[in-house]
């Protein structure tokens, strides 16, 4: 889903990210930043669950699908 909106963004930061990353468009820079933040937040959430979920690493694919 795409959404058109008006944002007030620090132009210096946007240009530096574009220069360092090689990303050319402002939209692509913002999209990449949003993806990175989502990835980071999801990893942090998974790290918070570490040790709370029992996982059988020896189980085969049939166990992954509910034993079917």
Foldseek 3Di string as FASTA:
>chain_A
DDDDDDDDDDPVVLVVQCVVVVPDDSVVSVVVVVVVVVVVVVVVVVVVCVPVDDDDPPDDPCVVVVND
